[in-house]
């Protein structure tokens, strides 16, 4: 299922819900919830992108995920999570549907179509997290960066070029890869010279199909 298709499914499956449900239009860098706040709802992304980040007690921040249309977040509340483990922030303009915890639990029990889509997307995420762990343990920083750029651009096997969401900078990439910004800058320059990525003032960062060779190579 494509991200666009999944986004349409959420709109259809959640469109007829009674309150408590809310659709929110967010601006760039607007905070949706903060780490430590009460976990009381699940959010579905209808448009735009959302960044999830975690901060240490000494203030260091790491991005743990960047999600796009068709994805959801905040589902930990359904498993009894009392407080948010991350801070969620809109990356650019964003459109969300918020469904409170009790309503979401009832829907998963009573609505088979919604439950099937939700569980399918959740399993996709688990598989991705497992791949992230393997990537972090065994692959080089260069290969991890290439993989993250492909994920951030939602690159599919059929894609030739895809744009990365505005607002993702080299500092964010360094946090996600687990290396320094200077190393990220080195690899990004290398990718640009090889024609794997391009920059433009109008469309920002674009990923090209050749970048897949970095991930697939030995």
N, C-alpha and C. Protein backbone atom coordinates (compact mmCIF):
# COMPACT_ATOMS: atom_id res chain seq x y z
N UNK A 1 0.85 -1.20 0.00
CA UNK A 1 0.00 0.00 0.00
C UNK A 1 0.87 1.23 0.00
N UNK A 2 0.60 2.16 -0.86
CA UNK A 2 1.39 3.38 -0.93
C UNK A 2 0.97 4.33 0.17
N UNK A 3 1.85 5.31 0.44
CA UNK A 3 1.52 6.31 1.46
C UNK A 3 0.27 7.05 1.08
N UNK A 4 0.14 7.42 -0.18
CA UNK A 4 -1.04 8.15 -0.61
C UNK A 4 -2.29 7.34 -0.44
N UNK A 5 -2.21 6.02 -0.78
CA UNK A 5 -3.37 5.16 -0.62
C UNK A 5 -3.76 5.02 0.83
N UNK A 6 -2.74 4.87 1.70
CA UNK A 6 -3.02 4.74 3.12
C UNK A 6 -3.66 6.00 3.67
N UNK A 7 -3.19 7.17 3.20
CA UNK A 7 -3.77 8.43 3.66
C UNK A 7 -5.24 8.49 3.28
N UNK A 8 -5.58 8.06 2.06
CA UNK A 8 -6.98 8.05 1.65
C UNK A 8 -7.80 7.09 2.51
N UNK A 9 -7.21 5.96 2.88
CA UNK A 9 -7.90 5.01 3.75
C UNK A 9 -8.23 5.63 5.11
N UNK A 10 -7.27 6.36 5.69
CA UNK A 10 -7.55 6.99 6.98
C UNK A 10 -8.69 8.00 6.83
N UNK A 11 -8.65 8.77 5.76
CA UNK A 11 -9.71 9.76 5.57
C UNK A 11 -11.07 9.09 5.47
N UNK A 12 -11.13 7.95 4.78
CA UNK A 12 -12.39 7.23 4.62
C UNK A 12 -12.80 6.54 5.91
N UNK A 13 -11.85 5.85 6.52
CA UNK A 13 -12.17 5.04 7.70
C UNK A 13 -12.48 5.89 8.92
N UNK A 14 -11.87 7.07 9.01
CA UNK A 14 -12.07 7.92 10.17
C UNK A 14 -13.07 9.04 9.90
N UNK A 15 -13.44 9.22 8.63
CA UNK A 15 -14.26 10.37 8.26
C UNK A 15 -15.62 10.42 8.93
N UNK A 16 -16.24 9.27 9.18
CA UNK A 16 -17.57 9.26 9.75
C UNK A 16 -17.62 9.14 11.25
N UNK A 17 -16.46 9.26 11.90
CA UNK A 17 -16.44 9.08 13.35
C UNK A 17 -17.11 10.24 14.07
N UNK A 18 -17.84 9.94 15.13
CA UNK A 18 -18.35 11.02 15.98
C UNK A 18 -17.24 11.57 16.86
N UNK A 19 -17.50 12.64 17.54
CA UNK A 19 -16.55 13.12 18.53
C UNK A 19 -16.40 12.05 19.60
N UNK A 20 -15.24 11.95 20.34
CA UNK A 20 -14.13 12.87 20.22
C UNK A 20 -13.14 12.51 19.12
N UNK A 21 -13.16 13.30 18.06
CA UNK A 21 -12.20 13.24 16.96
C UNK A 21 -12.02 14.67 16.47
N UNK A 22 -10.81 15.01 16.08
CA UNK A 22 -10.58 16.37 15.63
C UNK A 22 -9.57 16.36 14.50
N UNK A 23 -9.79 17.23 13.52
CA UNK A 23 -8.83 17.43 12.43
C UNK A 23 -8.12 18.74 12.69
N UNK A 24 -6.78 18.70 12.66
CA UNK A 24 -5.99 19.89 12.96
C UNK A 24 -5.14 20.27 11.77
N UNK A 25 -5.05 21.56 11.50
CA UNK A 25 -4.16 22.11 10.48
C UNK A 25 -3.01 22.79 11.21
N UNK A 26 -1.79 22.29 11.01
CA UNK A 26 -0.64 22.80 11.74
C UNK A 26 0.32 23.53 10.80
N UNK A 27 1.02 24.50 11.36
CA UNK A 27 2.04 25.22 10.61
C UNK A 27 3.40 24.60 10.87
N UNK A 28 4.40 25.02 10.10
CA UNK A 28 5.75 24.47 10.23
C UNK A 28 6.28 24.67 11.64
N UNK A 29 6.91 23.64 12.19
CA UNK A 29 7.56 23.65 13.50
C UNK A 29 6.59 23.76 14.67
N UNK A 30 5.31 23.57 14.42
CA UNK A 30 4.35 23.60 15.51
C UNK A 30 4.40 22.28 16.29
N UNK A 31 4.43 22.37 17.62
CA UNK A 31 4.50 21.19 18.48
C UNK A 31 3.13 20.56 18.63
N UNK A 32 3.07 19.25 18.45
CA UNK A 32 1.83 18.50 18.60
C UNK A 32 1.69 17.99 20.02
N UNK A 33 2.73 17.37 20.54
CA UNK A 33 2.83 17.05 21.96
C UNK A 33 4.30 16.99 22.34
N UNK A 34 4.55 17.08 23.65
CA UNK A 34 5.92 17.08 24.15
C UNK A 34 6.22 15.83 24.96
N UNK A 35 7.48 15.47 24.96
CA UNK A 35 7.95 14.35 25.76
C UNK A 35 7.56 14.57 27.22
N UNK A 36 6.95 13.56 27.85
CA UNK A 36 6.54 13.66 29.24
C UNK A 36 5.09 14.04 29.44
N UNK A 37 4.41 14.57 28.41
CA UNK A 37 3.00 14.90 28.53
C UNK A 37 2.15 13.63 28.56
N UNK A 38 0.93 13.75 29.04
CA UNK A 38 0.05 12.60 29.13
C UNK A 38 -0.22 12.01 27.75
N UNK A 39 -0.15 10.69 27.65
CA UNK A 39 -0.42 9.99 26.39
C UNK A 39 -1.91 9.65 26.36
N UNK A 40 -2.67 10.40 25.55
CA UNK A 40 -4.12 10.27 25.62
C UNK A 40 -4.80 10.15 24.26
N UNK A 41 -4.02 10.05 23.16
CA UNK A 41 -4.64 10.00 21.83
C UNK A 41 -3.67 9.46 20.80
N UNK A 42 -4.24 9.00 19.68
CA UNK A 42 -3.47 8.56 18.52
C UNK A 42 -3.69 9.59 17.41
N UNK A 43 -2.64 9.90 16.66
CA UNK A 43 -2.71 10.88 15.58
C UNK A 43 -2.47 10.22 14.23
N UNK A 44 -3.27 10.58 13.24
CA UNK A 44 -3.15 10.06 11.88
C UNK A 44 -2.77 11.21 10.96
N UNK A 45 -1.74 11.00 10.13
CA UNK A 45 -1.25 12.05 9.25
C UNK A 45 -1.99 11.98 7.92
N UNK A 46 -2.73 13.04 7.61
CA UNK A 46 -3.46 13.14 6.35
C UNK A 46 -2.66 13.89 5.29
N UNK A 47 -1.76 14.75 5.72
CA UNK A 47 -0.93 15.52 4.80
C UNK A 47 0.25 16.12 5.54
N UNK A 48 1.38 16.25 4.85
CA UNK A 48 2.57 16.80 5.48
C UNK A 48 3.39 15.73 6.18
N UNK A 49 4.33 16.17 7.01
CA UNK A 49 5.22 15.25 7.72
C UNK A 49 5.36 15.66 9.18
N UNK A 50 5.69 14.67 10.02
CA UNK A 50 5.84 14.89 11.46
C UNK A 50 7.17 14.29 11.90
N UNK A 51 7.89 15.04 12.73
CA UNK A 51 9.16 14.59 13.29
C UNK A 51 8.95 14.16 14.73
N UNK A 52 9.48 12.98 15.08
CA UNK A 52 9.47 12.50 16.46
C UNK A 52 10.89 12.56 16.99
N UNK A 53 11.09 13.22 18.12
CA UNK A 53 12.43 13.36 18.70
C UNK A 53 12.38 13.09 20.19
N UNK A 54 13.50 12.61 20.73
CA UNK A 54 13.62 12.35 22.16
C UNK A 54 14.79 13.15 22.70
N UNK A 55 14.62 13.68 23.91
CA UNK A 55 15.67 14.50 24.53
C UNK A 55 16.16 13.82 25.81
N UNK A 56 17.47 13.90 26.02
CA UNK A 56 18.07 13.35 27.24
C UNK A 56 17.95 14.38 28.36
N UNK A 57 18.18 13.97 29.62
CA UNK A 57 18.10 14.93 30.74
C UNK A 57 19.03 16.12 30.59
N UNK A 58 20.16 15.95 29.88
CA UNK A 58 21.09 17.07 29.72
C UNK A 58 20.79 17.90 28.48
N UNK A 59 19.65 17.62 27.83
CA UNK A 59 19.21 18.47 26.72
C UNK A 59 19.59 18.01 25.34
N UNK A 60 20.33 16.91 25.21
CA UNK A 60 20.68 16.40 23.89
C UNK A 60 19.45 15.79 23.23
N UNK A 61 19.26 16.09 21.94
CA UNK A 61 18.08 15.62 21.22
C UNK A 61 18.47 14.70 20.08
N UNK A 62 17.66 13.68 19.87
CA UNK A 62 17.87 12.77 18.74
C UNK A 62 16.54 12.53 18.05
N UNK A 63 16.53 12.61 16.72
CA UNK A 63 15.34 12.31 15.94
C UNK A 63 15.21 10.80 15.82
N UNK A 64 14.06 10.27 16.17
CA UNK A 64 13.86 8.82 16.10
C UNK A 64 13.02 8.42 14.89
N UNK A 65 12.26 9.35 14.31
CA UNK A 65 11.46 9.01 13.13
C UNK A 65 10.96 10.29 12.47
N UNK A 66 10.78 10.21 11.15
CA UNK A 66 10.08 11.24 10.40
C UNK A 66 8.98 10.53 9.62
N UNK A 67 7.73 10.87 9.89
CA UNK A 67 6.57 10.17 9.35
C UNK A 67 5.83 11.04 8.35
N UNK A 68 5.19 10.38 7.38
CA UNK A 68 4.47 11.10 6.34
C UNK A 68 3.03 10.67 6.21
N UNK A 69 2.34 11.13 5.16
CA UNK A 69 0.92 10.82 4.96
C UNK A 69 0.67 9.31 4.97
N UNK A 70 -0.40 8.91 5.64
CA UNK A 70 -0.74 7.50 5.74
C UNK A 70 -0.18 6.84 6.97
N UNK A 71 0.69 7.53 7.70
CA UNK A 71 1.25 6.96 8.92
C UNK A 71 0.57 7.56 10.15
N UNK A 72 0.84 6.96 11.30
CA UNK A 72 0.23 7.43 12.55
C UNK A 72 1.30 7.43 13.63
N UNK A 73 1.00 8.08 14.75
CA UNK A 73 1.93 8.11 15.89
C UNK A 73 1.13 8.31 17.17
N UNK A 74 1.80 8.09 18.29
CA UNK A 74 1.13 8.20 19.59
C UNK A 74 0.41 6.95 20.00
N UNK A 75 0.65 5.83 19.28
CA UNK A 75 -0.10 4.60 19.55
C UNK A 75 0.30 3.94 20.86
N UNK A 76 1.38 4.40 21.48
CA UNK A 76 1.79 3.83 22.76
C UNK A 76 0.73 3.94 23.84
N UNK A 77 -0.14 4.93 23.71
CA UNK A 77 -1.21 5.09 24.71
C UNK A 77 -2.14 3.89 24.73
N UNK A 78 -2.24 3.18 23.61
CA UNK A 78 -3.13 2.01 23.54
C UNK A 78 -2.56 0.82 24.32
N UNK A 79 -1.26 0.86 24.60
CA UNK A 79 -0.61 -0.23 25.35
C UNK A 79 -0.36 0.17 26.80
N UNK A 80 -1.03 1.22 27.25
CA UNK A 80 -0.90 1.64 28.64
C UNK A 80 0.22 2.62 28.92
N UNK A 81 0.83 3.16 27.88
CA UNK A 81 1.89 4.16 28.08
C UNK A 81 1.28 5.41 28.72
N UNK A 82 1.71 5.79 29.92
CA UNK A 82 1.07 6.93 30.59
C UNK A 82 1.54 8.29 30.09
N UNK A 83 2.78 8.37 29.60
CA UNK A 83 3.34 9.66 29.17
C UNK A 83 4.05 9.49 27.83
N UNK A 84 4.10 10.58 27.07
CA UNK A 84 4.76 10.56 25.77
C UNK A 84 6.26 10.36 25.95
N UNK A 85 6.83 9.47 25.15
CA UNK A 85 8.26 9.20 25.19
C UNK A 85 9.03 10.09 24.23
N UNK A 86 8.31 10.78 23.33
CA UNK A 86 8.95 11.64 22.34
C UNK A 86 8.21 12.97 22.27
N UNK A 87 8.82 13.92 21.57
CA UNK A 87 8.17 15.18 21.20
C UNK A 87 7.84 15.11 19.72
N UNK A 88 6.59 15.41 19.37
CA UNK A 88 6.14 15.37 17.98
C UNK A 88 6.00 16.79 17.46
N UNK A 89 6.61 17.07 16.30
CA UNK A 89 6.62 18.41 15.72
C UNK A 89 6.28 18.34 14.23
N UNK A 90 5.48 19.27 13.76
CA UNK A 90 5.16 19.33 12.33
C UNK A 90 6.37 19.79 11.55
N UNK A 91 6.67 19.07 10.44
CA UNK A 91 7.74 19.47 9.53
C UNK A 91 7.05 20.10 8.32
N UNK A 92 7.03 21.42 8.28
CA UNK A 92 6.23 22.10 7.27
C UNK A 92 4.76 22.05 7.66
N UNK A 93 3.89 22.50 6.75
CA UNK A 93 2.46 22.47 7.02
C UNK A 93 1.99 21.02 7.09
N UNK A 94 1.06 20.77 7.99
CA UNK A 94 0.67 19.38 8.27
C UNK A 94 -0.81 19.33 8.63
N UNK A 95 -1.47 18.23 8.24
CA UNK A 95 -2.88 18.03 8.54
C UNK A 95 -3.03 16.68 9.24
N UNK A 96 -3.65 16.70 10.43
CA UNK A 96 -3.76 15.51 11.26
C UNK A 96 -5.19 15.25 11.68
N UNK A 97 -5.48 13.99 11.95
CA UNK A 97 -6.70 13.62 12.67
C UNK A 97 -6.29 13.07 14.03
N UNK A 98 -6.90 13.58 15.09
CA UNK A 98 -6.62 13.12 16.46
C UNK A 98 -7.81 12.30 16.95
N UNK A 99 -7.52 11.08 17.44
CA UNK A 99 -8.57 10.22 17.99
C UNK A 99 -8.16 9.86 19.41
N UNK A 100 -9.03 10.15 20.39
CA UNK A 100 -8.65 9.89 21.77
C UNK A 100 -8.54 8.39 22.05
N UNK A 101 -7.82 8.05 23.11
CA UNK A 101 -7.45 6.68 23.42
C UNK A 101 -8.65 5.74 23.54
N UNK A 102 -9.66 6.13 24.28
CA UNK A 102 -10.81 5.24 24.49
C UNK A 102 -11.59 4.99 23.20
N UNK A 103 -11.73 6.05 22.38
CA UNK A 103 -12.41 5.88 21.09
C UNK A 103 -11.61 4.97 20.17
N UNK A 104 -10.28 5.15 20.15
CA UNK A 104 -9.45 4.32 19.28
C UNK A 104 -9.50 2.86 19.70
N UNK A 105 -9.47 2.59 21.00
CA UNK A 105 -9.54 1.21 21.49
C UNK A 105 -10.87 0.56 21.08
N UNK A 106 -11.94 1.32 21.16
CA UNK A 106 -13.25 0.79 20.77
C UNK A 106 -13.30 0.50 19.27
N UNK A 107 -12.75 1.42 18.47
CA UNK A 107 -12.76 1.23 17.01
C UNK A 107 -11.96 0.00 16.60
N UNK A 108 -10.83 -0.21 17.23
CA UNK A 108 -10.03 -1.38 16.89
C UNK A 108 -10.76 -2.68 17.24
N UNK A 109 -11.61 -2.61 18.23
CA UNK A 109 -12.40 -3.78 18.62
C UNK A 109 -13.62 -3.98 17.72
N UNK A 110 -14.26 -2.87 17.32
CA UNK A 110 -15.56 -2.98 16.66
C UNK A 110 -15.54 -2.75 15.15
N UNK A 111 -14.44 -2.20 14.59
CA UNK A 111 -14.38 -1.86 13.17
C UNK A 111 -13.30 -2.68 12.48
N UNK A 112 -13.64 -3.83 11.88
CA UNK A 112 -12.62 -4.72 11.29
C UNK A 112 -11.79 -4.06 10.19
N UNK A 113 -12.42 -3.22 9.35
CA UNK A 113 -11.68 -2.60 8.26
C UNK A 113 -10.59 -1.67 8.79
N UNK A 114 -10.95 -0.84 9.75
CA UNK A 114 -9.98 0.07 10.36
C UNK A 114 -8.90 -0.73 11.08
N UNK A 115 -9.30 -1.74 11.82
CA UNK A 115 -8.35 -2.56 12.57
C UNK A 115 -7.33 -3.21 11.65
N UNK A 116 -7.78 -3.72 10.50
CA UNK A 116 -6.88 -4.40 9.56
C UNK A 116 -5.83 -3.44 9.02
N UNK A 117 -6.26 -2.22 8.63
CA UNK A 117 -5.31 -1.24 8.10
C UNK A 117 -4.33 -0.81 9.19
N UNK A 118 -4.84 -0.56 10.39
CA UNK A 118 -4.02 -0.11 11.50
C UNK A 118 -2.95 -1.15 11.84
N UNK A 119 -3.36 -2.40 11.98
CA UNK A 119 -2.43 -3.46 12.34
C UNK A 119 -1.40 -3.68 11.23
N UNK A 120 -1.84 -3.59 9.96
CA UNK A 120 -0.90 -3.73 8.86
C UNK A 120 0.17 -2.67 8.89
N UNK A 121 -0.22 -1.42 9.13
CA UNK A 121 0.76 -0.33 9.19
C UNK A 121 1.67 -0.50 10.40
N UNK A 122 1.12 -1.00 11.52
CA UNK A 122 1.92 -1.20 12.72
C UNK A 122 2.97 -2.29 12.49
N UNK A 123 2.60 -3.35 11.79
CA UNK A 123 3.56 -4.40 11.47
C UNK A 123 4.65 -3.89 10.54
N UNK A 124 4.26 -3.05 9.56
CA UNK A 124 5.26 -2.44 8.67
C UNK A 124 6.28 -1.65 9.49
N UNK A 125 5.80 -0.94 10.50
CA UNK A 125 6.69 -0.13 11.33
C UNK A 125 7.65 -1.01 12.13
N UNK A 126 7.14 -2.12 12.67
CA UNK A 126 7.99 -3.02 13.44
C UNK A 126 9.11 -3.57 12.57
N UNK A 127 8.76 -3.95 11.34
CA UNK A 127 9.77 -4.46 10.41
C UNK A 127 10.82 -3.37 10.12
N UNK A 128 10.36 -2.14 9.95
CA UNK A 128 11.30 -1.05 9.69
C UNK A 128 12.21 -0.82 10.89
N UNK A 129 11.67 -0.86 12.11
CA UNK A 129 12.49 -0.65 13.30
C UNK A 129 13.55 -1.75 13.44
N UNK A 130 13.18 -2.99 13.09
CA UNK A 130 14.15 -4.07 13.12
C UNK A 130 15.27 -3.81 12.11
N UNK A 131 14.89 -3.34 10.91
CA UNK A 131 15.89 -3.01 9.89
C UNK A 131 16.77 -1.85 10.35
N UNK A 132 16.17 -0.87 11.04
CA UNK A 132 16.94 0.25 11.57
C UNK A 132 18.00 -0.24 12.56
N UNK A 133 17.60 -1.19 13.41
CA UNK A 133 18.53 -1.72 14.41
C UNK A 133 19.71 -2.42 13.74
N UNK A 134 19.41 -3.27 12.77
CA UNK A 134 20.47 -3.97 12.04
C UNK A 134 21.37 -2.97 11.33
N UNK A 135 20.75 -1.95 10.72
CA UNK A 135 21.49 -0.91 10.01
C UNK A 135 22.47 -0.21 10.94
N UNK A 136 21.99 0.14 12.14
CA UNK A 136 22.81 0.86 13.11
C UNK A 136 23.96 0.00 13.61
N UNK A 137 23.72 -1.31 13.77
CA UNK A 137 24.72 -2.20 14.34
C UNK A 137 25.82 -2.57 13.35
N UNK A 138 25.46 -2.75 12.07
CA UNK A 138 26.40 -3.39 11.15
C UNK A 138 26.83 -2.55 9.94
N UNK A 139 26.10 -1.50 9.61
CA UNK A 139 26.41 -0.76 8.40
C UNK A 139 27.22 0.51 8.70
N UNK A 140 27.93 0.98 7.69
CA UNK A 140 28.74 2.20 7.82
C UNK A 140 27.84 3.42 7.90
N UNK A 141 28.42 4.53 8.37
CA UNK A 141 27.66 5.79 8.44
C UNK A 141 27.18 6.21 7.06
N UNK A 142 27.99 5.99 6.05
CA UNK A 142 27.62 6.37 4.68
C UNK A 142 26.40 5.59 4.21
N UNK A 143 26.39 4.30 4.46
CA UNK A 143 25.25 3.47 4.05
C UNK A 143 24.01 3.82 4.87
N UNK A 144 24.18 4.12 6.16
CA UNK A 144 23.03 4.49 7.00
C UNK A 144 22.42 5.80 6.50
N UNK A 145 23.27 6.76 6.12
CA UNK A 145 22.77 8.03 5.59
C UNK A 145 21.99 7.80 4.30
N UNK A 146 22.53 6.99 3.40
CA UNK A 146 21.83 6.72 2.14
C UNK A 146 20.47 6.10 2.41
N UNK A 147 20.41 5.16 3.33
CA UNK A 147 19.14 4.50 3.64
C UNK A 147 18.13 5.49 4.23
N UNK A 148 18.60 6.35 5.12
CA UNK A 148 17.70 7.33 5.74
C UNK A 148 17.17 8.31 4.69
N UNK A 149 18.01 8.75 3.76
CA UNK A 149 17.55 9.66 2.70
C UNK A 149 16.48 8.98 1.84
N UNK A 150 16.67 7.72 1.55
CA UNK A 150 15.66 6.98 0.77
C UNK A 150 14.35 6.85 1.54
N UNK A 151 14.44 6.62 2.85
CA UNK A 151 13.24 6.51 3.68
C UNK A 151 12.53 7.86 3.80
N UNK A 152 13.30 8.92 4.00
CA UNK A 152 12.71 10.25 4.16
C UNK A 152 12.02 10.73 2.89
N UNK A 153 12.49 10.25 1.75
CA UNK A 153 11.87 10.64 0.47
C UNK A 153 10.78 9.67 0.04
N UNK A 154 10.53 8.64 0.87
CA UNK A 154 9.53 7.61 0.54
C UNK A 154 9.81 7.01 -0.84
N UNK A 155 11.09 6.69 -1.06
CA UNK A 155 11.53 6.15 -2.34
C UNK A 155 11.00 4.74 -2.51
N UNK A 156 10.34 4.48 -3.64
CA UNK A 156 9.78 3.16 -3.93
C UNK A 156 10.64 2.46 -4.98
N UNK A 157 10.46 1.15 -5.18
CA UNK A 157 11.23 0.45 -6.21
C UNK A 157 11.03 1.03 -7.61
N UNK A 158 9.89 1.70 -7.84
CA UNK A 158 9.59 2.26 -9.16
C UNK A 158 10.07 3.70 -9.31
N UNK A 159 10.48 4.33 -8.20
CA UNK A 159 10.83 5.75 -8.24
C UNK A 159 12.12 6.00 -9.03
N UNK A 160 12.16 7.16 -9.68
CA UNK A 160 13.38 7.64 -10.32
C UNK A 160 13.98 8.79 -9.51
N UNK A 161 13.14 9.73 -9.11
CA UNK A 161 13.54 10.82 -8.22
C UNK A 161 12.41 11.08 -7.23
N UNK A 162 12.78 11.47 -6.00
CA UNK A 162 11.81 11.82 -4.98
C UNK A 162 12.39 12.94 -4.13
N UNK A 163 11.53 13.85 -3.68
CA UNK A 163 11.98 14.97 -2.85
C UNK A 163 11.92 14.61 -1.37
N UNK A 164 12.90 15.08 -0.62
CA UNK A 164 12.91 14.96 0.83
C UNK A 164 12.14 16.14 1.41
N UNK A 165 11.40 15.91 2.46
CA UNK A 165 10.59 16.98 3.06
C UNK A 165 11.44 18.17 3.47
N UNK A 166 10.91 19.36 3.25
CA UNK A 166 11.58 20.58 3.69
C UNK A 166 11.73 20.56 5.21
N UNK A 167 12.79 21.17 5.70
CA UNK A 167 12.98 21.26 7.14
C UNK A 167 13.94 20.24 7.71
N UNK A 168 14.33 19.23 6.91
CA UNK A 168 15.31 18.25 7.35
C UNK A 168 16.69 18.75 6.97
N UNK A 169 17.52 19.05 7.98
CA UNK A 169 18.85 19.59 7.69
C UNK A 169 19.94 18.60 8.09
N UNK A 170 21.18 18.99 7.91
CA UNK A 170 22.29 18.08 8.17
C UNK A 170 22.42 17.74 9.65
N UNK A 171 22.04 18.65 10.51
CA UNK A 171 22.06 18.35 11.95
C UNK A 171 21.06 17.24 12.27
N UNK A 172 19.87 17.33 11.68
CA UNK A 172 18.87 16.27 11.88
C UNK A 172 19.40 14.94 11.36
N UNK A 173 20.01 14.96 10.18
CA UNK A 173 20.54 13.72 9.59
C UNK A 173 21.64 13.13 10.46
N UNK A 174 22.48 13.98 11.05
CA UNK A 174 23.54 13.49 11.93
C UNK A 174 22.96 12.78 13.14
N UNK A 175 21.87 13.32 13.69
CA UNK A 175 21.21 12.69 14.83
C UNK A 175 20.64 11.33 14.46
N UNK A 176 20.05 11.26 13.27
CA UNK A 176 19.41 10.02 12.84
C UNK A 176 20.44 8.94 12.48
N UNK A 177 21.55 9.36 11.89
CA UNK A 177 22.59 8.40 11.49
C UNK A 177 23.44 7.99 12.68
N UNK A 178 23.61 8.91 13.64
CA UNK A 178 24.46 8.62 14.79
C UNK A 178 25.92 8.95 14.52
N UNK A 179 26.15 10.09 13.85
CA UNK A 179 27.51 10.52 13.56
C UNK A 179 27.56 12.04 13.66
N UNK A 180 28.69 12.63 13.25
CA UNK A 180 28.84 14.08 13.36
C UNK A 180 28.31 14.79 12.11
N UNK A 181 28.03 16.08 12.27
CA UNK A 181 27.54 16.84 11.13
C UNK A 181 28.62 16.95 10.05
N UNK A 182 29.90 17.02 10.45
CA UNK A 182 30.96 17.12 9.45
C UNK A 182 31.02 15.86 8.58
N UNK A 183 30.77 14.69 9.16
CA UNK A 183 30.74 13.46 8.38
C UNK A 183 29.55 13.46 7.42
N UNK A 184 28.41 13.93 7.91
CA UNK A 184 27.23 14.03 7.04
C UNK A 184 27.51 14.96 5.88
N UNK A 185 28.14 16.10 6.15
CA UNK A 185 28.47 17.05 5.08
C UNK A 185 29.39 16.40 4.05
N UNK A 186 30.37 15.62 4.53
CA UNK A 186 31.29 14.93 3.62
C UNK A 186 30.53 13.97 2.71
N UNK A 187 29.65 13.15 3.29
CA UNK A 187 28.91 12.17 2.49
C UNK A 187 27.92 12.84 1.54
N UNK A 188 27.29 13.91 2.00
CA UNK A 188 26.32 14.61 1.15
C UNK A 188 27.02 15.21 -0.06
N UNK A 189 28.19 15.78 0.14
CA UNK A 189 28.96 16.32 -0.98
C UNK A 189 29.36 15.21 -1.95
N UNK A 190 29.74 14.06 -1.40
CA UNK A 190 30.09 12.92 -2.24
C UNK A 190 28.89 12.46 -3.06
N UNK A 191 27.72 12.34 -2.40
CA UNK A 191 26.50 11.91 -3.11
C UNK A 191 26.14 12.90 -4.21
N UNK A 192 26.31 14.20 -3.92
CA UNK A 192 25.97 15.24 -4.91
C UNK A 192 26.88 15.14 -6.13
N UNK A 193 28.18 14.96 -5.89
CA UNK A 193 29.14 14.87 -7.00
C UNK A 193 28.88 13.63 -7.86
N UNK A 194 28.39 12.56 -7.24
CA UNK A 194 28.08 11.33 -7.97
C UNK A 194 26.72 11.39 -8.66
N UNK A 195 25.96 12.47 -8.42
CA UNK A 195 24.65 12.61 -9.04
C UNK A 195 23.54 11.85 -8.33
N UNK A 196 23.81 11.41 -7.09
CA UNK A 196 22.81 10.66 -6.33
C UNK A 196 21.77 11.58 -5.68
N UNK A 197 22.15 12.83 -5.41
CA UNK A 197 21.24 13.82 -4.86
C UNK A 197 21.48 15.14 -5.55
N UNK A 198 20.47 16.02 -5.53
CA UNK A 198 20.63 17.38 -6.04
C UNK A 198 19.95 18.34 -5.08
N UNK A 199 20.45 19.57 -5.07
CA UNK A 199 19.86 20.65 -4.28
C UNK A 199 19.33 21.71 -5.23
N UNK A 200 18.19 22.32 -4.84
CA UNK A 200 17.71 23.49 -5.56
C UNK A 200 16.94 24.36 -4.59
N UNK A 201 16.96 25.68 -4.87
CA UNK A 201 16.26 26.60 -3.98
C UNK A 201 14.75 26.38 -4.00
N UNK A 202 14.24 25.93 -5.15
CA UNK A 202 12.80 25.76 -5.27
C UNK A 202 12.27 24.49 -4.64
N UNK A 203 12.95 23.35 -4.87
CA UNK A 203 12.42 22.07 -4.41
C UNK A 203 13.23 21.44 -3.29
N UNK A 204 14.32 22.09 -2.85
CA UNK A 204 15.11 21.55 -1.76
C UNK A 204 15.95 20.36 -2.19
N UNK A 205 15.98 19.34 -1.36
CA UNK A 205 16.81 18.16 -1.61
C UNK A 205 16.02 17.11 -2.37
N UNK A 206 16.60 16.62 -3.47
CA UNK A 206 15.98 15.56 -4.27
C UNK A 206 16.91 14.36 -4.30
N UNK A 207 16.33 13.19 -4.09
CA UNK A 207 17.07 11.93 -4.11
C UNK A 207 16.86 11.26 -5.45
N UNK A 208 17.95 10.75 -6.05
CA UNK A 208 17.88 10.07 -7.34
C UNK A 208 18.12 8.57 -7.16
N UNK A 209 17.68 7.83 -8.14
CA UNK A 209 17.69 6.37 -8.06
C UNK A 209 19.09 5.79 -7.80
N UNK A 210 20.12 6.46 -8.27
CA UNK A 210 21.47 5.96 -8.09
C UNK A 210 21.87 5.78 -6.64
N UNK A 211 21.21 6.50 -5.72
CA UNK A 211 21.57 6.39 -4.31
C UNK A 211 21.29 4.98 -3.77
N UNK A 212 20.39 4.26 -4.43
CA UNK A 212 20.09 2.90 -3.98
C UNK A 212 21.31 2.01 -4.07
N UNK A 213 22.25 2.34 -4.95
CA UNK A 213 23.45 1.52 -5.11
C UNK A 213 24.31 1.54 -3.86
N UNK A 214 24.25 2.64 -3.10
CA UNK A 214 25.03 2.73 -1.86
C UNK A 214 24.49 1.74 -0.82
N UNK A 215 23.16 1.64 -0.76
CA UNK A 215 22.54 0.75 0.21
C UNK A 215 22.67 -0.70 -0.22
N UNK A 216 22.57 -0.96 -1.52
CA UNK A 216 22.57 -2.33 -2.01
C UNK A 216 23.98 -2.89 -2.21
N UNK A 217 24.98 -2.01 -2.26
CA UNK A 217 26.35 -2.47 -2.48
C UNK A 217 26.91 -3.15 -1.26
N UNK A 218 27.95 -3.91 -1.47
CA UNK A 218 28.63 -4.62 -0.37
C UNK A 218 29.45 -3.64 0.46
